[in-house]
Protein backbone atom coordinates (compact mmCIF):
# COMPACT_ATOMS: atom_id res chain seq x y z
CA MET A 1 104.69 112.03 30.98
CA THR A 2 106.48 109.31 29.12
CA GLU A 3 109.50 107.23 29.94
CA SER A 4 111.72 109.86 28.35
CA GLY A 5 110.47 112.53 30.73
CA ALA A 6 112.99 114.39 32.84
CA ASP A 7 111.09 113.44 36.00
CA THR A 8 112.08 109.79 35.51
CA SER A 9 115.82 110.53 35.44
CA ALA A 10 118.31 111.53 38.12
CA TRP A 11 119.63 114.49 36.15
CA PRO A 12 118.99 117.98 37.54
CA LEU A 13 115.66 119.39 36.44
CA LEU A 14 115.63 122.59 34.40
CA PRO A 15 113.56 125.54 35.66
CA SER A 16 110.97 124.86 32.94
CA GLU A 17 110.59 121.29 34.21
CA ARG A 18 110.01 122.25 37.85
CA THR A 19 106.29 122.92 37.66
CA TRP A 20 104.98 122.06 41.13
CA GLY A 21 103.71 125.10 43.03
CA PRO A 22 103.28 125.22 46.83
CA TRP A 23 99.81 123.68 46.85
CA ARG A 24 100.64 120.87 44.45
CA LEU A 25 103.79 120.08 46.44
CA ALA A 26 101.94 120.26 49.77
CA ILE A 27 99.25 117.86 48.54
CA ALA A 28 101.85 115.38 47.31
CA LEU A 29 103.79 115.59 50.57
CA ALA A 30 100.69 115.32 52.74
CA THR A 31 99.52 112.26 50.83
CA ALA A 32 102.96 110.70 51.31
CA ALA A 33 103.14 111.52 55.01
CA ALA A 34 99.62 110.51 56.06
CA ALA A 35 99.79 106.73 56.05
CA THR A 36 99.02 103.98 58.53
CA TRP A 37 102.58 104.11 59.81
CA CYS A 38 101.18 107.07 61.76
CA TYR A 39 99.12 104.60 63.81
CA LEU A 40 102.18 102.51 64.57
CA ILE A 41 104.21 105.60 65.45
CA GLY A 42 101.39 106.70 67.74
CA GLU A 43 101.19 103.21 69.21
CA SER A 44 104.92 103.32 70.03
CA SER A 45 104.41 106.62 71.90
CA GLY A 46 101.28 105.35 73.64
CA TYR A 47 103.29 102.58 75.28
CA TYR A 48 105.18 105.17 77.33
CA LEU A 49 102.87 108.18 77.77
CA GLY A 50 99.22 109.06 78.30
CA PHE A 51 97.27 110.62 75.47
CA ALA A 52 97.91 114.34 76.06
CA ARG A 53 101.60 113.93 76.89
CA ALA A 54 102.19 111.52 74.01
CA ALA A 55 100.45 113.90 71.59
CA LEU A 56 102.54 116.90 72.67
CA THR A 57 105.90 115.13 72.77
CA LEU A 58 105.31 113.36 69.47
CA THR A 59 104.36 116.64 67.79
CA ALA A 60 107.49 118.34 69.11
CA GLY A 61 109.67 115.42 68.00
CA CYS A 62 108.17 115.27 64.52
CA MET A 63 108.69 118.97 63.89
CA LEU A 64 112.28 118.76 65.17
CA GLY A 65 113.04 115.76 62.98
CA MET A 66 111.43 117.37 59.95
CA THR A 67 113.51 120.51 60.44
CA VAL A 68 116.75 118.51 60.60
CA ALA A 69 115.86 116.40 57.55
CA PHE A 70 114.90 119.44 55.50
CA LEU A 71 118.03 121.39 56.43
CA ALA A 72 120.10 118.40 55.32
CA ALA A 73 118.67 117.70 51.88
CA GLY A 74 116.23 120.54 51.21
CA PRO A 75 118.47 123.51 50.33
CA ILE A 76 120.66 121.72 47.77
CA CYS A 77 117.84 119.61 46.27
CA GLY A 78 115.48 122.56 46.00
CA ARG A 79 118.20 124.84 44.63
CA PHE A 80 119.48 122.55 41.88
CA GLY A 81 116.52 120.25 41.22
CA ILE A 82 118.33 117.05 42.26
CA ASP A 83 117.33 114.09 44.42
CA SER A 84 118.55 113.28 47.94
CA ILE A 85 121.15 110.75 46.79
CA ALA A 86 122.86 113.18 44.42
CA SER A 87 123.02 115.72 47.24
CA THR A 88 125.36 113.42 49.22
CA LYS A 89 128.15 113.33 46.61
CA PRO A 90 129.95 116.42 47.99
CA GLN A 91 130.19 114.77 51.42
CA PHE A 92 130.71 111.09 50.65
CA GLY A 93 132.57 111.34 47.35
CA ALA A 94 131.99 110.60 43.69
CA ARG A 95 131.47 106.93 44.55
CA GLY A 96 130.87 107.02 48.28
CA TRP A 97 127.28 108.17 47.73
CA ILE A 98 126.41 104.47 47.38
CA ILE A 99 126.40 104.33 51.21
CA PRO A 100 123.47 106.76 51.67
CA ALA A 101 121.91 105.21 48.55
CA ALA A 102 121.88 101.84 50.30
CA MET A 103 120.40 103.47 53.41
CA GLN A 104 117.67 105.05 51.28
CA LEU A 105 116.83 101.78 49.60
CA VAL A 106 116.57 99.85 52.88
CA SER A 107 114.46 102.60 54.45
CA ILE A 108 111.99 102.92 51.61
CA VAL A 109 111.70 99.18 51.06
CA GLY A 110 111.10 98.76 54.79
CA TRP A 111 108.49 101.52 55.05
CA ASN A 112 106.60 100.45 51.95
CA SER A 113 106.66 96.79 52.91
CA LEU A 114 105.14 97.81 56.23
CA LEU A 115 102.46 99.93 54.57
CA LEU A 116 101.37 97.37 52.02
CA ILE A 117 101.34 94.57 54.58
CA PHE A 118 99.19 96.80 56.82
CA PHE A 119 96.86 97.38 53.87
CA ALA A 120 96.68 93.65 53.14
CA LYS A 121 95.91 92.81 56.78
CA SER A 122 93.11 95.39 56.88
CA ALA A 123 91.66 94.10 53.61
CA THR A 124 91.71 90.58 55.01
CA GLN A 125 89.88 91.74 58.15
CA LEU A 126 87.18 93.35 56.03
CA LEU A 127 86.69 90.15 54.03
CA ILE A 128 86.25 88.30 57.30
CA VAL A 129 83.61 90.79 58.47
CA LEU A 130 81.75 90.52 55.17
CA GLY A 131 81.89 86.72 55.27
CA ALA A 132 83.85 86.57 52.03
CA VAL A 133 86.58 84.24 53.27
CA PRO A 134 85.93 80.67 52.06
CA PRO A 135 85.26 78.13 54.85
CA GLY A 136 88.37 76.35 56.01
CA MET A 137 90.76 78.97 54.59
CA ASP A 138 93.31 80.56 56.93
CA PRO A 139 92.76 84.34 56.54
CA ARG A 140 96.50 84.89 56.86
CA GLN A 141 96.92 83.29 53.44
CA LEU A 142 95.18 86.31 51.90
CA VAL A 143 97.78 88.81 53.16
CA PRO A 144 100.48 87.93 50.59
CA ILE A 145 97.91 87.93 47.77
CA ALA A 146 96.56 91.37 48.74
CA THR A 147 100.11 92.72 49.05
CA LEU A 148 101.03 91.56 45.56
CA LEU A 149 97.85 93.07 44.10
CA ALA A 150 98.68 96.41 45.74
CA CYS A 151 102.19 96.28 44.24
CA ILE A 152 100.71 95.77 40.77
CA VAL A 153 98.33 98.73 41.12
CA ILE A 154 101.13 101.02 42.33
CA TYR A 155 103.42 99.89 39.52
CA LEU A 156 100.80 100.80 36.91
CA GLY A 157 100.19 104.18 38.51
CA LEU A 158 103.90 105.07 38.51
CA LEU A 159 104.47 104.38 34.83
CA ARG A 160 103.71 108.08 34.31
CA GLY A 161 106.57 109.21 36.56
CA ALA A 162 106.12 112.30 38.74
CA SER A 163 102.86 113.16 37.00
CA GLY A 164 101.56 109.80 38.22
CA VAL A 165 102.57 110.75 41.76
CA SER A 166 100.73 114.06 41.40
CA ILE A 167 97.57 112.47 39.98
CA VAL A 168 97.45 109.85 42.72
CA SER A 169 98.08 112.50 45.38
CA ASN A 170 95.29 114.76 44.13
CA ILE A 171 92.85 111.86 44.42
CA LEU A 172 94.02 110.16 47.57
CA VAL A 173 94.58 113.31 49.66
CA ALA A 174 90.86 112.98 50.46
CA HIS A 175 91.83 110.31 52.98
CA VAL A 176 93.23 112.97 55.33
CA PRO A 177 89.78 114.38 56.31
CA LEU A 178 88.58 110.79 56.72
CA GLY A 179 91.42 110.21 59.18
CA LEU A 180 90.41 113.31 61.15
CA TRP A 181 86.84 111.98 61.29
CA MET A 182 88.16 108.71 62.69
CA LEU A 183 90.10 110.63 65.34
CA TYR A 184 86.97 112.59 66.29
CA LEU A 185 84.97 109.39 66.51
CA LEU A 186 87.49 107.76 68.80
CA LEU A 187 87.90 110.78 71.07
CA SER A 188 84.19 111.56 71.34
CA ARG A 189 83.20 108.00 72.26
CA HIS A 190 86.10 107.07 74.53
CA TRP A 191 87.32 110.36 76.02
CA SER A 192 86.48 109.44 79.60
CA GLU A 193 88.46 106.20 79.28
CA LEU A 194 91.28 107.94 77.45
CA ARG A 195 91.83 110.51 80.19
CA VAL A 196 92.60 107.83 82.76
CA ALA A 197 94.27 105.25 80.52
CA GLN A 198 97.77 104.25 81.64
CA PRO A 199 100.59 103.36 79.24
CA THR A 200 101.70 99.76 79.61
CA LEU A 201 105.48 100.23 79.21
CA ALA A 202 105.96 103.55 81.03
CA ARG A 203 109.17 103.78 83.07
CA PRO A 204 109.21 105.12 86.64
CA ASP A 205 111.16 108.15 85.39
CA PRO A 206 108.71 110.62 83.75
CA LEU A 207 111.54 112.49 81.99
CA TRP A 208 112.64 109.28 80.26
CA ASN A 209 109.10 108.75 78.99
CA TYR A 210 108.86 112.31 77.67
CA THR A 211 112.22 112.07 75.95
CA THR A 212 111.30 108.77 74.34
CA GLY A 213 108.11 110.30 72.97
CA ILE A 214 110.18 113.08 71.40
CA GLU A 215 112.77 110.59 70.11
CA ILE A 216 110.09 108.51 68.41
CA GLY A 217 108.90 111.63 66.60
CA ILE A 218 112.41 112.67 65.56
CA ALA A 219 113.39 109.21 64.30
CA SER A 220 110.12 108.89 62.38
CA THR A 221 110.46 112.14 60.43
CA LEU A 222 114.21 111.80 59.87
CA SER A 223 113.25 108.87 57.69
CA TRP A 224 111.62 111.39 55.33
CA TRP A 225 115.11 112.31 54.13
CA PRO A 226 114.94 109.92 51.13
CA TYR A 227 111.57 111.36 50.06
CA ILE A 228 112.44 115.04 50.34
CA GLY A 229 114.73 115.40 47.34
CA ALA A 230 112.58 113.51 44.85
CA MET A 231 109.54 115.60 45.82
CA ILE A 232 110.87 119.13 46.28
CA ARG A 233 113.04 119.04 43.18
CA MET A 234 109.77 119.42 41.27
CA ALA A 235 109.25 122.87 42.92
CA PRO A 236 110.81 126.05 41.46
CA ASP A 237 113.17 126.61 44.40
CA ALA A 238 113.89 125.63 47.99
CA ARG A 239 112.00 128.59 49.46
CA THR A 240 108.82 127.43 47.79
CA ALA A 241 109.22 124.06 49.52
CA VAL A 242 109.72 125.23 53.13
CA VAL A 243 106.08 125.65 54.16
CA PRO A 244 104.79 122.62 52.19
CA VAL A 245 107.48 120.43 53.76
CA MET A 246 106.91 121.56 57.34
CA LEU A 247 103.11 121.65 57.20
CA GLY A 248 102.36 119.16 54.42
CA MET A 249 104.89 116.54 55.47
CA GLY A 250 105.75 117.31 59.08
CA ALA A 251 102.31 118.07 60.54
CA PRO A 252 100.16 115.12 59.31
CA VAL A 253 102.39 112.52 60.97
CA PRO A 254 101.76 113.57 64.60
CA LEU A 255 98.15 114.56 63.86
CA LEU A 256 97.18 111.14 62.53
CA SER A 257 99.42 109.46 65.07
CA PHE A 258 96.94 110.63 67.70
CA ILE A 259 94.66 107.86 66.34
CA GLY A 260 97.31 105.26 67.16
CA ILE A 261 97.94 106.74 70.61
CA ALA A 262 94.26 106.71 71.51
CA GLY A 263 93.68 103.30 69.98
CA ILE A 264 96.45 101.55 71.87
CA LEU A 265 95.55 103.22 75.18
CA VAL A 266 91.82 102.43 75.28
CA LEU A 267 91.24 99.68 72.70
CA LYS A 268 94.66 97.95 72.78
CA THR A 269 95.06 98.17 69.02
CA SER A 270 96.23 100.98 66.75
CA ASP A 271 94.64 99.46 63.62
CA PRO A 272 91.43 101.43 62.84
CA ALA A 273 90.09 98.55 60.76
CA GLN A 274 89.81 96.61 64.02
CA TRP A 275 88.42 99.22 66.41
CA LEU A 276 86.09 100.85 63.86
CA ARG A 277 84.51 97.46 63.30
CA THR A 278 83.94 97.25 67.05
CA VAL A 279 82.49 100.77 67.19
CA GLY A 280 80.25 100.71 64.15
CA GLY A 281 80.23 97.30 62.53
CA PRO A 282 80.94 96.43 58.87
CA ALA A 283 80.02 99.89 57.53
CA TYR A 284 82.68 101.61 59.64
CA ALA A 285 85.14 98.83 58.90
CA PHE A 286 84.60 99.45 55.19
CA ALA A 287 85.32 103.17 55.70
CA ALA A 288 88.50 102.23 57.56
CA LEU A 289 89.60 100.01 54.70
CA LEU A 290 89.12 102.85 52.23
CA PHE A 291 91.24 105.06 54.45
CA VAL A 292 93.96 102.48 54.93
CA GLY A 293 94.07 101.67 51.23
CA ALA A 294 94.19 105.31 50.13
CA ALA A 295 96.75 106.29 52.75
CA ASN A 296 99.12 103.43 52.19
CA CYS A 297 98.93 103.35 48.41
CA GLY A 298 99.48 107.10 48.22
CA THR A 299 102.57 106.92 50.39
CA ALA A 300 103.90 103.82 48.66
CA VAL A 301 103.61 105.60 45.31
CA SER A 302 105.79 108.47 46.59
CA GLY A 303 108.27 106.12 48.25
CA ILE A 304 108.76 103.82 45.29
CA TYR A 305 109.12 106.81 42.96
CA SER A 306 111.79 108.32 45.26
CA SER A 307 113.64 105.01 45.44
CA ALA A 308 113.58 104.56 41.67
CA ILE A 309 114.98 108.07 41.12
CA GLY A 310 117.72 107.30 43.64
CA LEU A 311 118.65 104.14 41.76
CA ARG A 312 119.10 106.21 38.60
CA ASN A 313 122.39 107.44 40.09
CA PHE A 314 123.86 103.98 39.52
CA ALA A 315 125.41 103.60 36.07
CA ALA A 316 123.76 100.21 35.60
CA ALA A 317 120.31 101.71 36.19
CA GLU A 318 120.81 104.99 34.37
CA LYS A 319 119.75 103.67 30.96
CA LEU A 320 117.13 101.17 32.06
CA PRO A 321 113.63 101.86 30.77
CA TRP A 322 111.49 103.46 33.46
CA SER A 323 109.10 100.49 33.46
CA VAL A 324 111.97 98.07 34.13
CA LEU A 325 113.47 100.27 36.85
CA LEU A 326 110.10 100.43 38.59
CA LEU A 327 109.89 96.66 38.48
CA VAL A 328 113.35 96.36 40.05
CA THR A 329 112.38 98.86 42.77
CA ILE A 330 109.09 97.25 43.72
CA ALA A 331 110.27 93.63 43.56
CA PRO A 332 111.83 93.52 47.09
CA ILE A 333 108.60 94.87 48.57
CA ALA A 334 106.58 92.20 46.80
CA VAL A 335 108.96 89.47 48.01
CA ILE A 336 108.77 90.61 51.64
CA GLY A 337 104.98 90.93 51.49
CA ALA A 338 104.62 87.50 49.93
CA THR A 339 107.05 85.58 52.16
CA ILE A 340 107.50 87.12 55.63
CA PRO A 341 104.69 89.65 56.23
CA GLU A 342 104.03 88.70 59.87
CA LEU A 343 107.71 88.64 60.87
CA PHE A 344 108.42 92.01 59.29
CA PHE A 345 105.28 93.59 60.75
CA ALA A 346 106.18 92.42 64.27
CA LYS A 347 109.58 94.18 64.17
CA PHE A 348 108.30 97.71 63.56
CA GLY A 349 109.71 99.22 66.77
CA THR A 350 113.22 98.00 65.99
CA PHE A 351 112.97 99.21 62.41
CA LEU A 352 111.86 102.67 63.59
CA ALA A 353 114.78 103.06 65.99
CA CYS A 354 117.27 101.87 63.37
CA LEU A 355 116.13 104.70 61.09
CA GLY A 356 117.29 107.20 63.69
CA VAL A 357 120.60 105.37 64.01
CA ALA A 358 121.25 105.77 60.28
CA PHE A 359 119.71 109.07 59.24
CA ALA A 360 120.52 111.31 62.23
CA PRO A 361 124.31 111.34 61.62
CA LEU A 362 123.80 111.53 57.85
CA CYS A 363 121.71 114.68 58.27
CA GLY A 364 124.25 116.17 60.66
CA ILE A 365 127.06 115.64 58.13
CA GLN A 366 125.09 117.19 55.28
CA ILE A 367 124.10 120.26 57.29
CA ALA A 368 127.68 120.83 58.46
CA ASP A 369 129.11 120.36 54.96
CA TYR A 370 126.69 122.64 53.11
CA PHE A 371 126.38 125.49 55.59
CA ILE A 372 129.76 125.50 57.39
CA LEU A 373 132.42 124.01 55.13
CA ARG A 374 131.17 124.84 51.63
CA ARG A 375 129.20 127.96 52.56
CA ARG A 376 126.45 126.86 50.14
CA VAL A 377 128.82 126.61 47.17
CA ILE A 378 128.26 123.41 45.13
CA ASP A 379 129.70 122.47 41.74
CA ILE A 380 126.58 121.00 40.19
CA ARG A 381 128.40 119.84 37.04
CA ALA A 382 130.86 117.86 39.15
CA LEU A 383 128.00 115.86 40.69
CA TYR A 384 127.32 114.27 37.31
CA GLY A 385 130.75 114.37 35.64
CA PRO A 386 133.29 111.53 35.32
CA ASP A 387 134.46 110.15 38.66
CA CYS A 388 138.13 110.38 37.74
CA ALA A 389 137.93 114.14 37.13
CA SER A 390 135.48 115.07 39.87
CA PRO A 391 136.57 117.48 42.60
CA TYR A 392 134.50 115.22 44.86
CA ARG A 393 136.58 112.16 44.03
CA CYS A 394 138.44 112.07 47.39
CA ILE A 395 140.23 108.72 47.86
CA GLY A 396 139.16 106.29 45.18
CA GLY A 397 135.83 108.06 45.03
CA PHE A 398 135.15 107.67 48.78
CA ASN A 399 135.54 110.34 51.47
CA PRO A 400 136.86 108.50 54.56
CA VAL A 401 136.07 111.49 56.78
CA ALA A 402 132.34 111.32 56.00
CA ILE A 403 132.27 107.55 56.41
CA LEU A 404 134.02 107.70 59.79
CA ALA A 405 131.81 110.57 60.96
CA LEU A 406 128.74 108.57 59.95
CA ALA A 407 130.02 105.55 61.86
CA LEU A 408 130.79 107.71 64.90
CA GLY A 409 127.28 109.15 64.86
CA CYS A 410 125.78 105.65 64.68
CA VAL A 411 127.89 104.57 67.66
CA VAL A 412 126.78 107.62 69.65
CA TYR A 413 123.14 106.78 68.96
CA VAL A 414 123.48 103.14 69.97
CA VAL A 415 125.39 104.06 73.14
CA LEU A 416 122.62 106.44 74.14
CA LEU A 417 119.69 104.25 73.06
CA ASN A 418 119.81 100.59 72.10
CA PRO A 419 117.44 100.29 69.10
CA LEU A 420 116.74 96.62 69.85
CA SER A 421 115.86 96.81 73.53
CA TYR A 422 115.23 100.56 74.05
CA ALA A 423 117.67 100.40 76.94
CA SER A 424 119.20 103.85 77.40
CA HIS A 425 122.45 105.09 78.88
CA GLY A 426 124.12 108.27 79.97
CA PRO A 427 122.42 111.59 79.18
CA TYR A 428 119.81 110.14 76.81
CA LYS A 429 116.86 111.35 78.84
CA PHE A 430 118.13 114.92 78.69
CA MET A 431 118.87 115.14 74.95
CA THR A 432 117.38 112.16 73.02
CA ALA A 433 119.63 109.97 70.88
CA SER A 434 119.05 111.38 67.38
CA LEU A 435 120.05 114.97 68.12
CA PRO A 436 123.41 114.15 69.76
CA ALA A 437 124.18 111.65 67.00
CA ALA A 438 123.54 114.32 64.35
CA LEU A 439 125.50 116.98 66.24
CA ILE A 440 128.56 114.85 66.99
CA ALA A 441 128.70 113.44 63.46
CA GLY A 442 128.52 116.97 62.02
CA VAL A 443 131.17 118.37 64.38
CA ALA A 444 133.49 115.43 63.78
CA TYR A 445 133.09 115.85 60.03
CA VAL A 446 133.96 119.57 60.15
CA VAL A 447 136.96 119.16 62.47
CA ALA A 448 138.44 116.20 60.58
CA THR A 449 137.93 117.87 57.19
CA ARG A 450 139.69 121.04 58.30
CA LEU A 451 142.57 119.07 59.78
CA MET A 452 142.97 117.16 56.52
CA ARG A 453 142.95 120.39 54.52
CA ARG A 454 145.64 121.89 56.74
CA ALA A 455 147.77 118.77 56.50
CA ARG A 456 147.41 118.75 52.72
CA ALA A 457 148.28 122.46 52.47
CA HIS A 458 151.33 121.97 54.72
CA ARG A 459 152.48 119.01 52.64
CA ASP A 460 152.06 120.89 49.36
CA ALA A 461 153.97 123.87 50.76
């Protein structure tokens, strides 16, 4: 597909342009979901729970988070063929959508920076094993170079738009069975150690540990919100996307996270490029590199495509050539990978918690707006019409109710769970932080909107 293709614009796709069936969508979503962030997510759970408990709680959390994220963006994006950013205009206003757009950009840049830095670190480790690092060279100097090379490869692959995503997914989905083999290898050779391994950061309160395992899963999959719209809008309708989203996108994250859980508990590292080298030498390390490269590049392709489509909603980016827009989208990732890879990589836990802070209340607001207030009635023409005439204009293009509800939800999250220190308060251990933040933001949005409508009707009368 060329630069003029509909899949490189933010306009709603016509039925004839929505050609991805369930299997094609599931493959694309599975390729996007199954990346080495799964190891880091599993590592985060393995700090608080043993293997079996971490696996169960993480699975439950991921499926809960995926359900919330899909209910927020899935119905409207799948129904009208629009991306996640466009779906926020009814709630945040004809101009207020720039707030979730900024959240999407930060999330995707953060995730993809993490993935490509992880890829670069694994590639560097393989070069060390093979003796390919020149004498006297600091191996850390290779990480920025490898990150930049990965950015170039992904850029070239995405020049074809959504068809490029599909082609890459069809090839790289083969890394999922390789990941399952790695999990089998780890469990079969270290099961006796794994059964008795103790998490290093577990709290004395078992309920707190369980809840944190669930919260990690919820926060992780809530961050799929930016990806959902750009992917499922290629399917004929929202119903077609339900099973692919839940099984293709929701299930691989906890499944491959088991590798990270097991790795951190018995080998003190979640990076398979490190422990596979220990288990089997250079040959296994090479297999790990193939897996890491395929997983991370496949997910980065989906993420950068989703981010570029989101940017199309800005007037300044609407008419940019697709090649230029891709360059703008990928540039921040290249800068981070080239300048501060170690610093960014070390702050993964904080980044993960901050995703829950942002996306939980956003999802709560969208669910409440679409299902309760609007009763699934959306003026699709108004989403793309002039701001001055839009029924979603609100006050200067911004809906203060949605903005305040979003802020309230963020405050609720931080009060329950500090994303920097993981210090919790109040009823966190009984209900997580993401779910109350989503619920309270949604309720506040509904109540405030109805009060404003009544006040406006009384004034007009």
